[in-house]
């Protein structure tokens, strides 16, 4: 992808999440499926009326920043709340990289990286995402000191679900600790790493290798962590005061502030034992659906060796397309034409039709 390519030159993806009539929609999260694990009476008391009538501070409400800091074993002044994880990535790039900078991103690539880079007039370089981190380490070793300005790590990875193993994280952290590049940890699904432990971000592992953690920022998604994508809340964690102030200034002039009511609700639910139990039940249900999805290999479909999460990534997906099953096609992620990402949190009706077709289809 050229650093001068305008945003409109990228393939359009606006309709990519829409279901097609008569087909099975495994493209996006289904509110009806998610809601069964989280009764609204848990959340409703926390929507205080006065919170509906005001903005939150640009950096986020003190209560929410304190809750996040407690969860990530950091400090509130290291946290900036954002309107989703994608906005967090955009603000980091806007605040720290000059137009024409070069960003190293994993492939398959979360589509937002490509759009944000295009709007910022940045160039993209790819490395293949692998659990052992070998492709990234080779790419960094081969790079001239001025070739790469920023590196994005996305573990567990969207769309494959693959996480860097422990040895790979240590090796990558050590190498990036010796280099000057900005490091952006896209930890949207970090809470699903290490067998589902309550590890929201890998920030500390990487920041420890850098003096004063200069140029390192982690991105998290409260919408995914709380399984409430409609909240559109994320956060940035950084110990770099220049980076933090730049992010706050960029956010102030882009969106002024976030929604006070959403931030108050998120702060309360982060501390809710009942909501945490609902999340555990949801993850268990997704694990069960992942096992059921594994039946696709009987029909010649190839699965990525992904971990836990909302999605499954597969190759050689022609049999699924023939059965009328729609995921998000691989080229959206800079992947191959015969690959696709499938959402395990699809509606109960679509999932039932899907599993029935797998059972009935000839091997």
Protein backbone atom coordinates (compact mmCIF):
# COMPACT_ATOMS: atom_id res chain seq x y z
CA UNK A 1 0.00 0.00 0.00
CA UNK A 2 1.45 3.36 -0.98
CA UNK A 3 1.96 6.06 1.62
CA UNK A 4 0.30 8.55 -0.71
CA UNK A 5 -2.81 6.49 -1.48
CA UNK A 6 -5.98 8.44 -0.60
CA UNK A 7 -8.51 6.73 1.70
CA UNK A 8 -10.99 6.28 -1.13
CA UNK A 9 -8.55 4.10 -3.06
CA UNK A 10 -8.93 1.28 -0.53
CA UNK A 11 -11.56 -1.40 -1.15
CA UNK A 12 -14.94 -0.36 0.22
CA UNK A 13 -15.98 -2.31 3.31
CA UNK A 14 -19.07 -0.40 4.39
CA UNK A 15 -21.48 -3.28 3.73
CA UNK A 16 -19.15 -6.04 4.86
CA UNK A 17 -21.04 -6.71 8.13
CA UNK A 18 -24.51 -6.81 6.59
CA UNK A 19 -26.21 -10.18 6.35
CA UNK A 20 -27.46 -11.36 2.96
CA UNK A 21 -31.03 -12.57 2.66
CA UNK A 22 -31.35 -16.33 2.61
CA UNK A 23 -27.78 -16.91 3.77
CA UNK A 24 -26.29 -17.62 7.20
CA UNK A 25 -24.75 -14.50 8.74
CA UNK A 26 -21.56 -15.31 10.67
CA UNK A 27 -20.14 -11.84 10.04
CA UNK A 28 -20.84 -9.80 13.16
CA UNK A 29 -21.78 -9.86 16.83
CA UNK A 30 -25.48 -10.50 17.52
CA UNK A 31 -26.94 -8.33 20.32
CA UNK A 32 -29.54 -10.99 21.10
CA UNK A 33 -26.82 -13.58 21.74
CA UNK A 34 -24.69 -11.31 23.94
CA UNK A 35 -27.64 -10.00 25.96
CA UNK A 36 -28.60 -13.42 27.32
CA UNK A 37 -25.47 -13.46 29.50
CA UNK A 38 -25.91 -9.96 30.96
CA UNK A 39 -29.39 -9.15 32.34
CA UNK A 40 -30.08 -5.46 31.96
CA UNK A 41 -31.20 -5.12 35.58
CA UNK A 42 -27.52 -5.37 36.53
CA UNK A 43 -26.61 -2.35 34.42
CA UNK A 44 -29.72 -0.16 34.74
CA UNK A 45 -29.12 1.16 38.31
CA UNK A 46 -25.74 2.53 37.24
CA UNK A 47 -27.11 4.85 34.56
CA UNK A 48 -27.40 7.91 36.78
CA UNK A 49 -29.64 10.58 35.36
CA UNK A 50 -27.23 13.46 36.00
CA UNK A 51 -24.56 11.71 33.92
CA UNK A 52 -26.77 12.06 30.85
CA UNK A 53 -26.50 15.86 30.88
CA UNK A 54 -22.77 16.46 30.69
CA UNK A 55 -19.49 15.72 28.97
CA UNK A 56 -16.75 13.75 30.63
CA UNK A 57 -13.25 15.26 30.87
CA UNK A 58 -11.21 14.79 27.69
CA UNK A 59 -8.93 12.25 29.36
CA UNK A 60 -11.94 10.38 30.81
CA UNK A 61 -13.83 10.46 34.09
CA UNK A 62 -11.64 10.01 37.19
CA UNK A 63 -13.69 7.03 38.39
CA UNK A 64 -13.27 5.09 35.14
CA UNK A 65 -9.58 5.88 34.82
CA UNK A 66 -9.09 4.70 38.40
CA UNK A 67 -10.92 1.43 37.67
CA UNK A 68 -8.84 0.79 34.56
CA UNK A 69 -5.61 1.65 36.38
CA UNK A 70 -6.50 -0.82 39.12
CA UNK A 71 -7.17 -3.54 36.56
CA UNK A 72 -3.88 -2.99 34.71
CA UNK A 73 -1.79 -2.31 37.85
CA UNK A 74 -1.00 1.21 36.73
CA UNK A 75 -1.89 4.78 37.66
CA UNK A 76 -4.88 6.87 36.55
CA UNK A 77 -2.67 9.53 34.96
CA UNK A 78 -1.30 6.82 32.61
CA UNK A 79 -4.82 6.27 31.18
CA UNK A 80 -6.71 8.21 28.49
CA UNK A 81 -10.26 7.02 27.73
CA UNK A 82 -11.25 6.99 24.06
CA UNK A 83 -14.33 6.36 21.94
CA UNK A 84 -13.35 2.80 21.13
CA UNK A 85 -10.02 1.10 20.43
CA UNK A 86 -9.88 2.25 16.79
CA UNK A 87 -10.02 5.89 17.87
CA UNK A 88 -7.23 5.16 20.35
CA UNK A 89 -4.99 3.87 17.55
CA UNK A 90 -5.87 6.87 15.39
CA UNK A 91 -5.06 9.33 18.19
CA UNK A 92 -1.69 7.69 18.85
CA UNK A 93 -0.70 7.86 15.20
CA UNK A 94 -2.03 11.40 14.84
CA UNK A 95 -0.18 12.60 17.93
CA UNK A 96 3.17 10.93 17.30
CA UNK A 97 3.78 10.29 13.59
CA UNK A 98 4.40 12.77 10.81
CA UNK A 99 2.62 12.35 7.46
CA UNK A 100 4.54 9.88 5.33
CA UNK A 101 5.75 7.81 8.30
CA UNK A 102 6.02 4.04 7.88
CA UNK A 103 4.08 1.62 10.11
CA UNK A 104 4.83 -2.09 10.44
CA UNK A 105 1.59 -4.05 10.95
CA UNK A 106 0.69 -7.74 11.21
CA UNK A 107 -0.94 -9.56 8.31
CA UNK A 108 -3.76 -10.50 8.14
CA UNK A 109 -4.36 -6.86 9.13
CA UNK A 110 -7.25 -5.41 11.11
CA UNK A 111 -8.84 -3.11 8.48
CA UNK A 112 -8.74 -0.02 10.72
CA UNK A 113 -4.94 0.02 10.50
CA UNK A 114 -5.12 0.49 6.74
CA UNK A 115 -7.77 3.21 6.89
CA UNK A 116 -6.05 5.14 9.67
CA UNK A 117 -2.71 4.95 7.85
CA UNK A 118 -4.31 6.19 4.64
CA UNK A 119 -5.98 9.14 6.35
CA UNK A 120 -2.66 9.99 8.00
CA UNK A 121 -0.85 9.57 4.66
CA UNK A 122 1.40 6.92 6.20
CA UNK A 123 2.93 3.92 4.49
CA UNK A 124 2.24 0.35 5.54
CA UNK A 125 4.73 -2.52 5.70
CA UNK A 126 3.53 -5.99 6.62
CA UNK A 127 4.87 -8.91 8.61
CA UNK A 128 3.16 -12.28 8.84
CA UNK A 129 1.56 -12.87 12.23
CA UNK A 130 2.84 -16.04 13.90
CA UNK A 131 2.78 -17.28 17.48
CA UNK A 132 6.58 -17.61 17.57
CA UNK A 133 7.07 -14.00 16.46
CA UNK A 134 9.75 -15.13 13.98
CA UNK A 135 8.48 -13.11 11.03
CA UNK A 136 8.36 -9.92 13.11
CA UNK A 137 11.84 -10.47 14.53
CA UNK A 138 13.23 -11.12 11.04
CA UNK A 139 11.53 -7.99 9.72
CA UNK A 140 12.92 -5.86 12.54
CA UNK A 141 16.44 -7.28 12.14
CA UNK A 142 16.38 -6.56 8.40
CA UNK A 143 15.00 -3.03 8.76
CA UNK A 144 17.31 -0.07 8.41
CA UNK A 145 17.21 2.21 11.43
CA UNK A 146 15.15 4.81 9.57
CA UNK A 147 12.87 2.49 7.60
CA UNK A 148 10.17 1.85 10.24
CA UNK A 149 8.68 4.57 12.46
CA UNK A 150 6.11 2.53 14.40
CA UNK A 151 5.27 -1.12 15.05
CA UNK A 152 1.80 -2.47 15.85
CA UNK A 153 1.47 -5.70 17.84
CA UNK A 154 -1.99 -7.26 18.06
CA UNK A 155 -2.07 -10.22 20.47
CA UNK A 156 -4.39 -12.11 20.54
CA UNK A 157 -4.60 -11.24 16.89
CA UNK A 158 -7.68 -10.09 14.98
CA UNK A 159 -8.70 -11.93 12.78
CA UNK A 160 -6.77 -15.18 13.46
CA UNK A 161 -7.00 -15.27 17.26
CA UNK A 162 -3.34 -16.33 17.48
CA UNK A 163 -1.40 -14.93 20.47
CA UNK A 164 2.36 -14.53 20.77
CA UNK A 165 3.71 -17.25 23.03
CA UNK A 166 5.63 -16.26 26.15
CA UNK A 167 9.10 -16.70 24.68
CA UNK A 168 8.15 -14.69 21.60
CA UNK A 169 6.80 -11.81 23.71
CA UNK A 170 10.06 -11.69 25.65
CA UNK A 171 12.19 -11.75 22.50
CA UNK A 172 10.11 -9.11 20.71
CA UNK A 173 10.03 -6.88 23.81
CA UNK A 174 13.79 -7.11 24.19
CA UNK A 175 14.42 -6.21 20.56
CA UNK A 176 11.96 -3.31 20.52
CA UNK A 177 13.48 -2.10 23.77
CA UNK A 178 16.74 -1.49 21.91
CA UNK A 179 15.09 0.27 18.97
CA UNK A 180 13.65 3.77 18.67
CA UNK A 181 10.37 2.88 16.94
CA UNK A 182 7.02 3.71 18.47
CA UNK A 183 5.36 0.57 19.81
CA UNK A 184 1.57 0.30 19.73
CA UNK A 185 0.16 -2.71 21.56
CA UNK A 186 -3.33 -3.38 20.25
CA UNK A 187 -4.54 -5.36 23.25
CA UNK A 188 -8.24 -5.28 22.36
CA UNK A 189 -8.39 -9.00 23.16
CA UNK A 190 -5.58 -9.08 25.73
CA UNK A 191 -8.04 -10.19 28.42
CA UNK A 192 -8.49 -13.48 26.54
CA UNK A 193 -4.77 -14.27 26.54
CA UNK A 194 -3.06 -16.82 28.79
CA UNK A 195 -6.10 -19.05 29.05
CA UNK A 196 -8.54 -16.25 29.79
CA UNK A 197 -6.66 -14.74 32.75
CA UNK A 198 -7.55 -11.22 33.83
CA UNK A 199 -4.66 -9.71 31.86
CA UNK A 200 -6.09 -6.70 30.05
CA UNK A 201 -2.88 -5.47 28.43
CA UNK A 202 0.70 -6.57 27.78
CA UNK A 203 1.93 -3.03 28.45
CA UNK A 204 4.18 -3.78 31.43
CA UNK A 205 6.05 -6.55 29.63
CA UNK A 206 7.05 -4.22 26.79
CA UNK A 207 7.39 -0.95 28.70
CA UNK A 208 9.92 -2.50 31.07
CA UNK A 209 12.41 -2.70 28.18
CA UNK A 210 12.29 1.02 27.36
CA UNK A 211 13.76 3.93 29.38
CA UNK A 212 10.77 5.62 31.04
CA UNK A 213 8.64 3.56 28.61
CA UNK A 214 9.19 6.21 25.95
CA UNK A 215 7.11 5.73 22.83
CA UNK A 216 5.16 2.69 24.11
CA UNK A 217 1.36 2.77 24.26
CA UNK A 218 -1.20 0.02 24.81
CA UNK A 219 -4.73 0.16 23.42
CA UNK A 220 -7.63 -1.60 25.10
CA UNK A 221 -11.34 -1.96 24.34
CA UNK A 222 -13.78 -1.63 27.21
CA UNK A 223 -16.55 -2.50 24.76
CA UNK A 224 -14.99 -5.92 24.16
CA UNK A 225 -13.83 -6.41 27.77
CA UNK A 226 -17.34 -5.73 29.08
CA UNK A 227 -18.91 -7.43 26.04
CA UNK A 228 -20.83 -4.20 25.37
CA UNK A 229 -19.63 -3.06 21.94
CA UNK A 230 -22.37 -0.42 21.88
CA UNK A 231 -20.57 1.54 24.61
CA UNK A 232 -17.85 2.51 22.11
CA UNK A 233 -15.26 2.90 24.85
CA UNK A 234 -11.56 2.17 24.74
CA UNK A 235 -8.44 3.44 26.40
CA UNK A 236 -4.77 4.21 25.87
CA UNK A 237 -2.18 3.38 28.51
CA UNK A 238 1.22 5.07 28.36
CA UNK A 239 3.92 6.30 30.74
CA UNK A 240 5.29 8.68 28.11
CA UNK A 241 4.05 12.14 29.20
CA UNK A 242 4.69 13.71 25.79
CA UNK A 243 2.72 10.97 24.07
CA UNK A 244 -0.08 11.19 26.62
CA UNK A 245 -0.41 14.97 26.32
CA UNK A 246 -0.40 14.72 22.53
CA UNK A 247 -3.20 12.14 22.62
CA UNK A 248 -5.30 14.30 24.95
CA UNK A 249 -4.77 17.37 22.79
CA UNK A 250 -5.67 15.47 19.62
CA UNK A 251 -8.81 14.06 21.24
CA UNK A 252 -9.85 17.47 22.57
CA UNK A 253 -9.91 18.95 19.08
CA UNK A 254 -11.46 15.91 17.37
CA UNK A 255 -14.31 14.90 19.66
CA UNK A 256 -14.15 17.30 22.65
CA UNK A 257 -15.03 14.60 25.21
CA UNK A 258 -16.62 11.20 25.62
CA UNK A 259 -20.04 10.28 26.99
CA UNK A 260 -20.19 10.70 30.77
CA UNK A 261 -23.06 8.21 31.15
CA UNK A 262 -21.22 5.46 29.24
CA UNK A 263 -18.04 6.03 31.22
CA UNK A 264 -19.90 5.92 34.54
CA UNK A 265 -21.60 2.67 33.55
CA UNK A 266 -18.29 1.13 32.45
CA UNK A 267 -16.63 2.07 35.75
CA UNK A 268 -19.37 0.36 37.73
CA UNK A 269 -19.47 -2.78 35.58
CA UNK A 270 -15.69 -3.22 35.78
CA UNK A 271 -16.18 -3.76 39.51
CA UNK A 272 -19.36 -5.87 39.20
CA UNK A 273 -18.98 -9.50 40.22
CA UNK A 274 -22.26 -10.30 38.47
CA UNK A 275 -21.05 -8.78 35.18
CA UNK A 276 -17.74 -10.63 35.48
CA UNK A 277 -19.63 -13.89 35.96
CA UNK A 278 -21.70 -13.11 32.87
CA UNK A 279 -18.50 -12.60 30.90
CA UNK A 280 -17.12 -15.94 32.10
CA UNK A 281 -20.33 -17.65 30.97
CA UNK A 282 -20.12 -15.91 27.60
CA UNK A 283 -16.50 -17.00 27.09
CA UNK A 284 -17.47 -20.58 27.96
CA UNK A 285 -20.29 -20.44 25.39
CA UNK A 286 -17.87 -19.10 22.78
CA UNK A 287 -15.44 -21.91 23.59
CA UNK A 288 -18.25 -24.40 22.96
CA UNK A 289 -19.13 -22.74 19.66
CA UNK A 290 -15.46 -22.82 18.67
CA UNK A 291 -15.45 -26.58 19.17
CA UNK A 292 -18.60 -26.87 17.08
CA UNK A 293 -17.09 -24.67 14.39
CA UNK A 294 -14.15 -27.08 14.26
CA UNK A 295 -16.39 -29.54 12.41
CA UNK A 296 -15.70 -27.52 9.25
CA UNK A 297 -12.39 -29.37 8.89
CA UNK A 298 -14.40 -32.48 7.93
CA UNK A 299 -15.38 -30.60 4.79
CA UNK A 300 -11.86 -29.58 3.83
CA UNK A 301 -11.87 -26.15 5.48
CA UNK A 302 -8.55 -25.15 7.11
CA UNK A 303 -8.61 -23.53 10.56
CA UNK A 304 -6.09 -21.06 11.96
CA UNK A 305 -4.65 -22.24 15.26
CA UNK A 306 -6.43 -19.46 17.12
CA UNK A 307 -7.10 -18.99 20.81
CA UNK A 308 -10.20 -17.89 22.66
CA UNK A 309 -12.41 -15.05 21.50
CA UNK A 310 -15.32 -13.91 19.40
CA UNK A 311 -14.03 -15.09 16.01
CA UNK A 312 -12.63 -18.02 14.05
CA UNK A 313 -10.40 -17.59 11.00
CA UNK A 314 -10.32 -20.19 8.24
CA UNK A 315 -8.87 -20.89 4.82
CA UNK A 316 -10.09 -23.02 1.90
CA UNK A 317 -13.59 -21.78 2.75
CA UNK A 318 -15.30 -22.62 -0.56
CA UNK A 319 -17.38 -25.39 1.08
CA UNK A 320 -18.81 -22.89 3.58
CA UNK A 321 -19.67 -20.42 0.84
CA UNK A 322 -21.39 -23.23 -1.04
CA UNK A 323 -23.46 -23.96 2.06
CA UNK A 324 -24.62 -20.34 2.15
CA UNK A 325 -22.45 -19.33 5.14
CA UNK A 326 -21.04 -15.78 5.07
CA UNK A 327 -18.04 -14.51 6.99
CA UNK A 328 -15.83 -11.50 6.27
CA UNK A 329 -13.63 -12.39 3.33
CA UNK A 330 -9.86 -12.54 3.73
CA UNK A 331 -8.96 -9.67 1.37
CA UNK A 332 -10.62 -7.24 3.82
CA UNK A 333 -7.75 -8.16 6.16
CA UNK A 334 -5.10 -8.20 3.41
CA UNK A 335 -5.46 -11.98 3.51
CA UNK A 336 -6.00 -14.55 0.78
CA UNK A 337 -9.15 -14.76 -1.35
CA UNK A 338 -9.96 -18.23 0.01
CA UNK A 339 -9.87 -17.10 3.67
CA UNK A 340 -12.56 -15.60 5.88
CA UNK A 341 -13.27 -14.57 9.48
CA UNK A 342 -16.40 -15.99 11.12
CA UNK A 343 -18.11 -14.59 14.20
CA UNK A 344 -18.81 -17.14 16.94
CA UNK A 345 -21.19 -14.68 18.65
CA UNK A 346 -23.70 -14.89 15.80
CA UNK A 347 -27.42 -15.11 16.49
CA UNK A 348 -28.77 -18.35 17.92
CA UNK A 349 -30.92 -18.84 14.81
CA UNK A 350 -28.02 -18.46 12.39
CA UNK A 351 -25.76 -20.63 14.52
CA UNK A 352 -28.36 -23.40 14.70
CA UNK A 353 -28.77 -23.32 10.91
CA UNK A 354 -24.99 -23.40 10.52
CA UNK A 355 -24.40 -26.42 12.76
CA UNK A 356 -27.34 -28.27 11.21
CA UNK A 357 -25.86 -27.73 7.74
CA UNK A 358 -22.49 -29.03 8.92
CA UNK A 359 -24.14 -32.17 10.24
CA UNK A 360 -26.23 -32.73 7.12
CA UNK A 361 -23.58 -31.91 4.50
CA UNK A 362 -21.77 -34.92 3.04
CA UNK A 363 -18.12 -35.32 4.07
